[in-house]
Amino acid sequence: MTFAYYIPSDYSEEKFKRKELDYGRHLSPIAIWGTPANVAAGIDAHNNVVRNLASNRKGVIFFDQQEAMPKNGKVFDDSCHFSEQGARRFVENVIQPICDYWRRVGKLRP
């Protein structure tokens, strides 16, 4: 699975501190990990490695969480921590491909 994140296009440390971004609770400023551009580049690089690994392995259950998660403050409390709604969405996203796999191999009934 890829790592989901969300950095608003108008992100700044000042807006984060004033809670002016559309994040839920504004838990952790991105500066604890690096600059917004570097954090995004690092996570994107990680996600690309995961995508490549999954595409070259038979029997791997892969889910692209970064692509599936909405990019807004309803599901994120900061750049990488989910709100309660986001956590629910995360679980729904993870459960579906696992259930699909078990149905395909005949271990789970519809």
N, C-alpha and C. Protein backbone atom coordinates (compact mmCIF):
# COMPACT_ATOMS: atom_id res chain seq x y z
N MET A 1 0.84 -1.17 0.00
CA MET A 1 0.00 0.00 0.00
C MET A 1 0.89 1.24 0.00
N THR A 2 0.43 2.23 -0.72
CA THR A 2 1.14 3.50 -0.70
C THR A 2 0.76 4.29 0.55
N PHE A 3 1.52 5.31 0.80
CA PHE A 3 1.33 6.17 1.96
C PHE A 3 0.55 7.41 1.51
N ALA A 4 -0.59 7.65 2.11
CA ALA A 4 -1.42 8.80 1.75
C ALA A 4 -1.00 10.04 2.53
N TYR A 5 -0.99 11.16 1.83
CA TYR A 5 -0.70 12.43 2.47
C TYR A 5 -1.45 13.54 1.75
N TYR A 6 -1.52 14.69 2.40
CA TYR A 6 -2.19 15.85 1.81
C TYR A 6 -1.51 17.12 2.30
N ILE A 7 -1.02 17.89 1.36
CA ILE A 7 -0.42 19.18 1.67
C ILE A 7 -1.18 20.22 0.83
N PRO A 8 -1.96 21.10 1.46
CA PRO A 8 -2.71 22.10 0.69
C PRO A 8 -1.76 22.97 -0.15
N SER A 9 -2.24 23.41 -1.29
CA SER A 9 -1.40 24.22 -2.18
C SER A 9 -1.00 25.54 -1.53
N ASP A 10 -1.79 26.02 -0.57
CA ASP A 10 -1.46 27.28 0.10
C ASP A 10 -0.81 27.06 1.47
N TYR A 11 -0.20 25.88 1.67
CA TYR A 11 0.40 25.56 2.96
C TYR A 11 1.51 26.55 3.32
N SER A 12 1.49 26.99 4.56
CA SER A 12 2.60 27.73 5.16
C SER A 12 2.58 27.44 6.65
N GLU A 13 3.73 27.58 7.27
CA GLU A 13 3.81 27.35 8.71
C GLU A 13 2.93 28.34 9.46
N GLU A 14 2.88 29.56 8.98
CA GLU A 14 2.06 30.59 9.63
C GLU A 14 0.58 30.21 9.56
N LYS A 15 0.13 29.79 8.39
CA LYS A 15 -1.28 29.38 8.26
C LYS A 15 -1.57 28.16 9.12
N PHE A 16 -0.60 27.25 9.19
CA PHE A 16 -0.79 26.07 10.03
C PHE A 16 -0.94 26.48 11.49
N LYS A 17 -0.05 27.33 11.97
CA LYS A 17 -0.10 27.77 13.37
C LYS A 17 -1.39 28.49 13.70
N ARG A 18 -1.91 29.25 12.74
CA ARG A 18 -3.16 29.99 12.95
C ARG A 18 -4.40 29.13 12.65
N LYS A 19 -4.18 27.88 12.27
CA LYS A 19 -5.25 26.94 11.93
C LYS A 19 -6.15 27.48 10.81
N GLU A 20 -5.50 28.05 9.81
CA GLU A 20 -6.22 28.62 8.67
C GLU A 20 -6.28 27.68 7.47
N LEU A 21 -5.65 26.53 7.58
CA LEU A 21 -5.71 25.55 6.49
C LEU A 21 -6.94 24.68 6.67
N ASP A 22 -7.28 23.90 5.67
CA ASP A 22 -8.50 23.11 5.79
C ASP A 22 -8.31 21.79 6.52
N TYR A 23 -7.17 21.61 7.22
CA TYR A 23 -6.97 20.42 8.04
C TYR A 23 -8.00 20.40 9.18
N GLY A 24 -8.25 19.18 9.67
CA GLY A 24 -9.13 19.06 10.82
C GLY A 24 -8.55 19.70 12.06
N ARG A 25 -7.68 18.97 12.77
CA ARG A 25 -7.18 19.45 14.06
C ARG A 25 -5.82 20.14 14.00
N HIS A 26 -5.17 20.18 12.86
CA HIS A 26 -3.84 20.81 12.76
C HIS A 26 -2.90 20.21 13.82
N LEU A 27 -2.65 18.92 13.73
CA LEU A 27 -1.86 18.23 14.76
C LEU A 27 -0.36 18.52 14.70
N SER A 28 0.27 18.23 13.59
CA SER A 28 1.73 18.35 13.50
C SER A 28 2.13 19.18 12.28
N PRO A 29 2.90 20.23 12.49
CA PRO A 29 3.35 21.02 11.33
C PRO A 29 4.32 20.21 10.48
N ILE A 30 4.28 20.42 9.21
CA ILE A 30 5.13 19.64 8.29
C ILE A 30 6.60 19.89 8.55
N ALA A 31 6.95 21.02 9.14
CA ALA A 31 8.36 21.37 9.38
C ALA A 31 9.08 20.34 10.25
N ILE A 32 8.37 19.54 11.02
CA ILE A 32 9.05 18.53 11.83
C ILE A 32 9.66 17.43 10.96
N TRP A 33 9.21 17.33 9.71
CA TRP A 33 9.77 16.35 8.77
C TRP A 33 10.65 17.02 7.71
N GLY A 34 10.39 18.29 7.40
CA GLY A 34 11.14 18.99 6.37
C GLY A 34 10.28 20.06 5.71
N THR A 35 10.73 20.52 4.55
CA THR A 35 9.94 21.50 3.82
C THR A 35 8.80 20.78 3.10
N PRO A 36 7.70 21.48 2.82
CA PRO A 36 6.60 20.82 2.11
C PRO A 36 7.05 20.13 0.81
N ALA A 37 7.87 20.80 0.02
CA ALA A 37 8.31 20.20 -1.25
C ALA A 37 9.14 18.94 -1.02
N ASN A 38 10.03 18.98 -0.05
CA ASN A 38 10.87 17.81 0.21
C ASN A 38 10.09 16.65 0.82
N VAL A 39 9.15 16.96 1.69
CA VAL A 39 8.31 15.91 2.28
C VAL A 39 7.49 15.24 1.18
N ALA A 40 6.87 16.04 0.32
CA ALA A 40 6.08 15.47 -0.78
C ALA A 40 6.97 14.63 -1.70
N ALA A 41 8.15 15.13 -2.04
CA ALA A 41 9.06 14.39 -2.92
C ALA A 41 9.50 13.07 -2.28
N GLY A 42 9.77 13.10 -0.98
CA GLY A 42 10.18 11.88 -0.29
C GLY A 42 9.07 10.84 -0.26
N ILE A 43 7.87 11.27 0.06
CA ILE A 43 6.74 10.32 0.11
C ILE A 43 6.43 9.81 -1.29
N ASP A 44 6.47 10.69 -2.28
CA ASP A 44 6.22 10.25 -3.66
C ASP A 44 7.26 9.22 -4.10
N ALA A 45 8.52 9.44 -3.76
CA ALA A 45 9.57 8.48 -4.11
C ALA A 45 9.30 7.13 -3.43
N HIS A 46 8.96 7.17 -2.15
CA HIS A 46 8.61 5.95 -1.41
C HIS A 46 7.45 5.24 -2.09
N ASN A 47 6.41 5.99 -2.40
CA ASN A 47 5.23 5.38 -3.03
C ASN A 47 5.56 4.76 -4.38
N ASN A 48 6.43 5.40 -5.15
CA ASN A 48 6.81 4.84 -6.45
C ASN A 48 7.57 3.52 -6.29
N VAL A 49 8.41 3.42 -5.28
CA VAL A 49 9.11 2.17 -5.01
C VAL A 49 8.10 1.08 -4.66
N VAL A 50 7.14 1.40 -3.81
CA VAL A 50 6.12 0.42 -3.42
C VAL A 50 5.31 -0.02 -4.64
N ARG A 51 4.91 0.93 -5.48
CA ARG A 51 4.16 0.58 -6.69
C ARG A 51 4.97 -0.36 -7.58
N ASN A 52 6.24 -0.04 -7.77
CA ASN A 52 7.10 -0.88 -8.61
C ASN A 52 7.29 -2.27 -8.02
N LEU A 53 7.52 -2.36 -6.73
CA LEU A 53 7.66 -3.66 -6.08
C LEU A 53 6.40 -4.49 -6.24
N ALA A 54 5.26 -3.88 -6.00
CA ALA A 54 3.99 -4.60 -6.08
C ALA A 54 3.70 -5.07 -7.51
N SER A 55 4.07 -4.26 -8.49
CA SER A 55 3.76 -4.62 -9.87
C SER A 55 4.62 -5.79 -10.37
N ASN A 56 5.74 -6.05 -9.72
CA ASN A 56 6.65 -7.12 -10.13
C ASN A 56 6.53 -8.39 -9.30
N ARG A 57 5.51 -8.48 -8.46
CA ARG A 57 5.37 -9.64 -7.58
C ARG A 57 3.98 -10.26 -7.75
N LYS A 58 3.97 -11.54 -8.07
CA LYS A 58 2.70 -12.26 -8.15
C LYS A 58 2.18 -12.51 -6.74
N GLY A 59 0.88 -12.47 -6.59
CA GLY A 59 0.26 -12.77 -5.31
C GLY A 59 0.25 -11.63 -4.31
N VAL A 60 0.76 -10.48 -4.70
CA VAL A 60 0.78 -9.33 -3.81
C VAL A 60 -0.57 -8.62 -3.89
N ILE A 61 -1.13 -8.34 -2.74
CA ILE A 61 -2.34 -7.52 -2.69
C ILE A 61 -1.88 -6.09 -2.52
N PHE A 62 -2.10 -5.28 -3.53
CA PHE A 62 -1.63 -3.90 -3.52
C PHE A 62 -2.82 -2.95 -3.55
N PHE A 63 -2.70 -1.87 -2.79
CA PHE A 63 -3.71 -0.82 -2.84
C PHE A 63 -3.01 0.53 -2.84
N ASP A 64 -3.44 1.41 -3.73
CA ASP A 64 -2.85 2.74 -3.85
C ASP A 64 -3.64 3.72 -2.98
N GLN A 65 -3.28 3.75 -1.71
CA GLN A 65 -3.98 4.61 -0.75
C GLN A 65 -3.81 6.09 -1.10
N GLN A 66 -2.64 6.48 -1.62
CA GLN A 66 -2.43 7.87 -1.98
C GLN A 66 -3.42 8.31 -3.06
N GLU A 67 -3.67 7.45 -4.03
CA GLU A 67 -4.61 7.78 -5.09
C GLU A 67 -6.06 7.77 -4.60
N ALA A 68 -6.37 6.89 -3.67
CA ALA A 68 -7.75 6.70 -3.24
C ALA A 68 -8.24 7.71 -2.20
N MET A 69 -7.34 8.17 -1.35
CA MET A 69 -7.78 9.07 -0.28
C MET A 69 -8.09 10.45 -0.83
N PRO A 70 -9.23 11.01 -0.46
CA PRO A 70 -9.52 12.40 -0.85
C PRO A 70 -8.45 13.33 -0.28
N LYS A 71 -8.17 14.37 -1.00
CA LYS A 71 -7.14 15.31 -0.56
C LYS A 71 -7.81 16.56 0.00
N ASN A 72 -8.23 16.47 1.26
CA ASN A 72 -8.85 17.61 1.92
C ASN A 72 -8.80 17.41 3.43
N GLY A 73 -9.09 18.48 4.14
CA GLY A 73 -9.02 18.48 5.59
C GLY A 73 -10.12 17.71 6.28
N LYS A 74 -11.10 17.22 5.54
CA LYS A 74 -12.11 16.37 6.18
C LYS A 74 -11.52 15.02 6.56
N VAL A 75 -10.51 14.59 5.82
CA VAL A 75 -9.91 13.29 6.11
C VAL A 75 -8.50 13.38 6.69
N PHE A 76 -7.91 14.57 6.70
CA PHE A 76 -6.56 14.75 7.25
C PHE A 76 -6.57 15.79 8.36
N ASP A 77 -5.88 15.47 9.47
CA ASP A 77 -5.69 16.43 10.56
C ASP A 77 -4.40 17.21 10.39
N ASP A 78 -3.53 16.75 9.54
CA ASP A 78 -2.31 17.44 9.12
C ASP A 78 -1.85 16.74 7.85
N SER A 79 -0.60 16.90 7.48
CA SER A 79 -0.17 16.37 6.19
C SER A 79 -0.25 14.85 6.08
N CYS A 80 -0.18 14.13 7.21
CA CYS A 80 -0.16 12.67 7.10
C CYS A 80 -1.00 11.92 8.14
N HIS A 81 -1.64 12.62 9.05
CA HIS A 81 -2.47 11.95 10.05
C HIS A 81 -3.94 12.12 9.70
N PHE A 82 -4.66 11.02 9.76
CA PHE A 82 -6.07 11.03 9.38
C PHE A 82 -6.96 11.57 10.49
N SER A 83 -8.02 12.22 10.07
CA SER A 83 -9.11 12.57 10.99
C SER A 83 -9.90 11.28 11.26
N GLU A 84 -10.90 11.36 12.09
CA GLU A 84 -11.74 10.18 12.34
C GLU A 84 -12.38 9.70 11.04
N GLN A 85 -12.89 10.64 10.25
CA GLN A 85 -13.49 10.29 8.96
C GLN A 85 -12.43 9.67 8.04
N GLY A 86 -11.22 10.21 8.06
CA GLY A 86 -10.14 9.67 7.24
C GLY A 86 -9.75 8.27 7.66
N ALA A 87 -9.73 8.02 8.97
CA ALA A 87 -9.40 6.68 9.47
C ALA A 87 -10.43 5.66 9.01
N ARG A 88 -11.70 6.05 9.04
CA ARG A 88 -12.74 5.15 8.54
C ARG A 88 -12.54 4.85 7.06
N ARG A 89 -12.25 5.89 6.30
CA ARG A 89 -12.03 5.73 4.86
C ARG A 89 -10.81 4.84 4.60
N PHE A 90 -9.75 5.04 5.36
CA PHE A 90 -8.54 4.23 5.24
C PHE A 90 -8.88 2.75 5.41
N VAL A 91 -9.62 2.43 6.46
CA VAL A 91 -9.98 1.03 6.73
C VAL A 91 -10.84 0.47 5.61
N GLU A 92 -11.82 1.23 5.17
CA GLU A 92 -12.65 0.77 4.05
C GLU A 92 -11.80 0.49 2.83
N ASN A 93 -10.84 1.36 2.55
CA ASN A 93 -9.96 1.19 1.40
C ASN A 93 -9.11 -0.08 1.52
N VAL A 94 -8.65 -0.39 2.72
CA VAL A 94 -7.79 -1.55 2.94
C VAL A 94 -8.60 -2.84 2.89
N ILE A 95 -9.76 -2.83 3.47
CA ILE A 95 -10.59 -4.03 3.56
C ILE A 95 -11.03 -4.53 2.19
N GLN A 96 -11.40 -3.62 1.30
CA GLN A 96 -11.96 -4.02 0.01
C GLN A 96 -11.03 -4.90 -0.82
N PRO A 97 -9.76 -4.51 -1.05
CA PRO A 97 -8.91 -5.39 -1.85
C PRO A 97 -8.62 -6.74 -1.18
N ILE A 98 -8.59 -6.75 0.15
CA ILE A 98 -8.38 -8.02 0.85
C ILE A 98 -9.58 -8.93 0.66
N CYS A 99 -10.77 -8.39 0.82
CA CYS A 99 -11.98 -9.18 0.61
C CYS A 99 -12.08 -9.65 -0.84
N ASP A 100 -11.75 -8.76 -1.77
CA ASP A 100 -11.77 -9.15 -3.19
C ASP A 100 -10.82 -10.32 -3.44
N TYR A 101 -9.65 -10.28 -2.85
CA TYR A 101 -8.68 -11.37 -3.00
C TYR A 101 -9.25 -12.67 -2.45
N TRP A 102 -9.78 -12.63 -1.25
CA TRP A 102 -10.30 -13.87 -0.64
C TRP A 102 -11.50 -14.41 -1.40
N ARG A 103 -12.28 -13.54 -2.01
CA ARG A 103 -13.38 -14.02 -2.86
C ARG A 103 -12.82 -14.73 -4.10
N ARG A 104 -11.76 -14.15 -4.70
CA ARG A 104 -11.16 -14.75 -5.89
C ARG A 104 -10.60 -16.13 -5.61
N VAL A 105 -10.01 -16.31 -4.46
CA VAL A 105 -9.42 -17.61 -4.15
C VAL A 105 -10.42 -18.55 -3.47
N GLY A 106 -11.67 -18.11 -3.32
CA GLY A 106 -12.71 -18.98 -2.80
C GLY A 106 -12.73 -19.16 -1.32
N LYS A 107 -12.09 -18.28 -0.56
CA LYS A 107 -12.05 -18.39 0.89
C LYS A 107 -13.06 -17.50 1.60
N LEU A 108 -13.74 -16.65 0.83
CA LEU A 108 -14.71 -15.74 1.41
C LEU A 108 -15.95 -15.76 0.55
N ARG A 109 -17.07 -15.92 1.18
CA ARG A 109 -18.32 -15.95 0.43
C ARG A 109 -18.90 -14.55 0.34
N PRO A 110 -19.57 -14.28 -0.80
CA PRO A 110 -20.16 -12.93 -0.99
C PRO A 110 -21.18 -12.56 0.06
